Amino acid sequence: MAERHFYAASMDYVYLIQEVHERKKFEFVETLLTFVYAYFTFYHQGHEIKKDFDPFMKDLQSKIQKTRTNFDDFSEKLKKRMSEVQKQEVPPSISKGCKEGYLFLLEKSKCQQAIC
């Protein structure tokens, strides 16, 4: 009788251990699934807005890439032009310049008044 009671208790023990292991499997997955559903529900509105703005974002990205390419090309051309300008010899200026315009007239009129 004690032996039969021992076997029954050990079978109950094995059954309970097996039940705990099996319950851990689906309870964890249920918790994870609940989290994923909550995540999707929370971010569903953001996802819909993202889908609405997707064509705009792609268009903006292509414009930015085109602008970057234009900038790189312009920068390259500018560097080449700067190196060409630096390589050119600057001709020395022979004349020291001449007076023209308003200042020349003022200076000339002062000289005439002093002479007269």
Protein backbone atom coordinates (compact mmCIF):
# COMPACT_ATOMS: atom_id res chain seq x y z
CA MET A 1 0.00 0.00 0.00
CA ALA A 2 2.80 2.44 0.86
CA GLU A 3 4.47 1.51 -2.39
CA ARG A 4 1.28 2.23 -4.35
CA HIS A 5 0.93 5.56 -2.52
CA PHE A 6 4.58 6.39 -3.37
CA TYR A 7 4.01 5.65 -7.08
CA ALA A 8 0.86 7.76 -7.12
CA ALA A 9 2.65 10.68 -5.40
CA SER A 10 5.62 10.43 -7.78
CA MET A 11 3.27 10.36 -10.80
CA ASP A 12 1.47 13.43 -9.44
CA TYR A 13 4.84 15.12 -8.95
CA VAL A 14 5.96 14.32 -12.53
CA TYR A 15 2.59 15.49 -13.84
CA LEU A 16 2.86 18.81 -11.97
CA ILE A 17 6.46 19.37 -13.14
CA GLN A 18 5.42 18.63 -16.73
CA GLU A 19 2.45 20.98 -16.34
CA VAL A 20 4.71 23.80 -15.08
CA HIS A 21 7.14 23.38 -18.00
CA GLU A 22 4.35 23.32 -20.57
CA ARG A 23 2.60 26.29 -18.95
CA LYS A 24 5.86 28.33 -19.08
CA LYS A 25 5.97 27.83 -22.83
CA PHE A 26 2.55 29.18 -23.72
CA GLU A 27 2.31 31.76 -20.94
CA PHE A 28 5.55 33.38 -22.11
CA VAL A 29 4.40 33.36 -25.72
CA GLU A 30 0.98 34.76 -24.72
CA THR A 31 2.69 37.59 -22.81
CA LEU A 32 4.96 38.29 -25.76
CA LEU A 33 2.02 38.23 -28.17
CA THR A 34 0.07 40.63 -25.95
CA PHE A 35 3.05 42.99 -25.93
CA VAL A 36 3.37 42.82 -29.72
CA TYR A 37 -0.35 43.54 -30.19
CA ALA A 38 -0.12 46.48 -27.79
CA TYR A 39 2.95 47.74 -29.67
CA PHE A 40 1.22 47.48 -33.04
CA THR A 41 -1.94 49.12 -31.73
CA PHE A 42 0.02 51.97 -30.18
CA TYR A 43 2.10 52.63 -33.28
CA HIS A 44 -0.64 51.91 -35.83
CA GLN A 45 -1.53 55.59 -36.19
CA GLY A 46 2.13 56.51 -36.64
CA HIS A 47 2.48 53.78 -39.23
CA GLU A 48 -0.53 55.10 -41.16
CA ILE A 49 0.90 58.63 -41.12
CA LYS A 50 4.25 57.25 -42.27
CA LYS A 51 2.53 55.48 -45.18
CA ASP A 52 0.79 58.75 -46.11
CA PHE A 53 4.08 60.67 -46.09
CA ASP A 54 6.10 57.96 -47.84
CA PRO A 55 5.85 59.49 -51.37
CA PHE A 56 6.80 62.91 -49.99
CA MET A 57 9.78 61.45 -48.12
CA LYS A 58 11.02 59.59 -51.21
CA ASP A 59 10.65 62.73 -53.34
CA LEU A 60 12.49 64.77 -50.72
CA GLN A 61 15.26 62.17 -50.56
CA SER A 62 15.74 62.26 -54.34
CA LYS A 63 15.84 66.08 -54.29
CA ILE A 64 18.41 66.04 -51.50
CA GLN A 65 20.56 63.55 -53.42
CA LYS A 66 20.33 65.70 -56.54
CA THR A 67 21.26 68.81 -54.56
CA ARG A 68 24.22 67.00 -52.99
CA THR A 69 25.41 65.90 -56.44
CA ASN A 70 25.07 69.44 -57.77
CA PHE A 71 26.98 70.76 -54.76
CA ASP A 72 29.78 68.24 -55.28
CA ASP A 73 30.01 69.12 -58.98
CA PHE A 74 29.99 72.85 -58.25
CA SER A 75 32.62 72.45 -55.54
CA GLU A 76 34.83 70.46 -57.89
CA LYS A 77 34.49 73.05 -60.67
CA LEU A 78 35.22 75.85 -58.21
CA LYS A 79 38.38 74.13 -56.97
CA LYS A 80 39.57 73.63 -60.55
CA ARG A 81 38.87 77.27 -61.38
CA MET A 82 40.68 78.44 -58.24
CA SER A 83 43.74 76.36 -59.13
CA GLU A 84 43.69 77.76 -62.69
CA VAL A 85 43.49 81.32 -61.38
CA GLN A 86 46.36 80.70 -58.97
CA LYS A 87 48.50 79.27 -61.77
CA GLN A 88 47.98 82.31 -64.00
CA GLU A 89 50.61 84.99 -63.76
CA VAL A 90 49.33 88.35 -62.68
CA PRO A 91 50.67 91.04 -65.03
CA PRO A 92 52.33 93.83 -63.09
CA SER A 93 50.38 97.05 -63.30
CA ILE A 94 52.43 99.77 -65.02
CA SER A 95 50.35 102.75 -64.11
CA LYS A 96 49.63 103.66 -60.55
CA GLY A 97 46.08 104.48 -61.51
CA CYS A 98 44.31 107.62 -62.53
CA LYS A 99 41.86 109.82 -60.76
CA GLU A 100 38.40 109.84 -62.15
CA GLY A 101 34.94 110.89 -61.14
CA TYR A 102 33.79 112.99 -58.24
CA LEU A 103 37.08 113.08 -56.33
CA PHE A 104 39.00 114.15 -59.43
CA LEU A 105 36.58 117.01 -60.01
CA LEU A 106 36.81 118.13 -56.39
CA GLU A 107 40.58 118.10 -56.47
CA LYS A 108 40.69 119.89 -59.81
CA SER A 109 38.31 122.58 -58.69
CA LYS A 110 40.41 123.27 -55.57
CA CYS A 111 43.52 123.69 -57.70
CA GLN A 112 41.81 126.15 -60.01
CA GLN A 113 40.59 128.26 -57.11
CA ALA A 114 44.06 128.41 -55.62
CA ILE A 115 45.58 129.52 -58.93
CA CYS A 116 42.98 132.10 -59.73
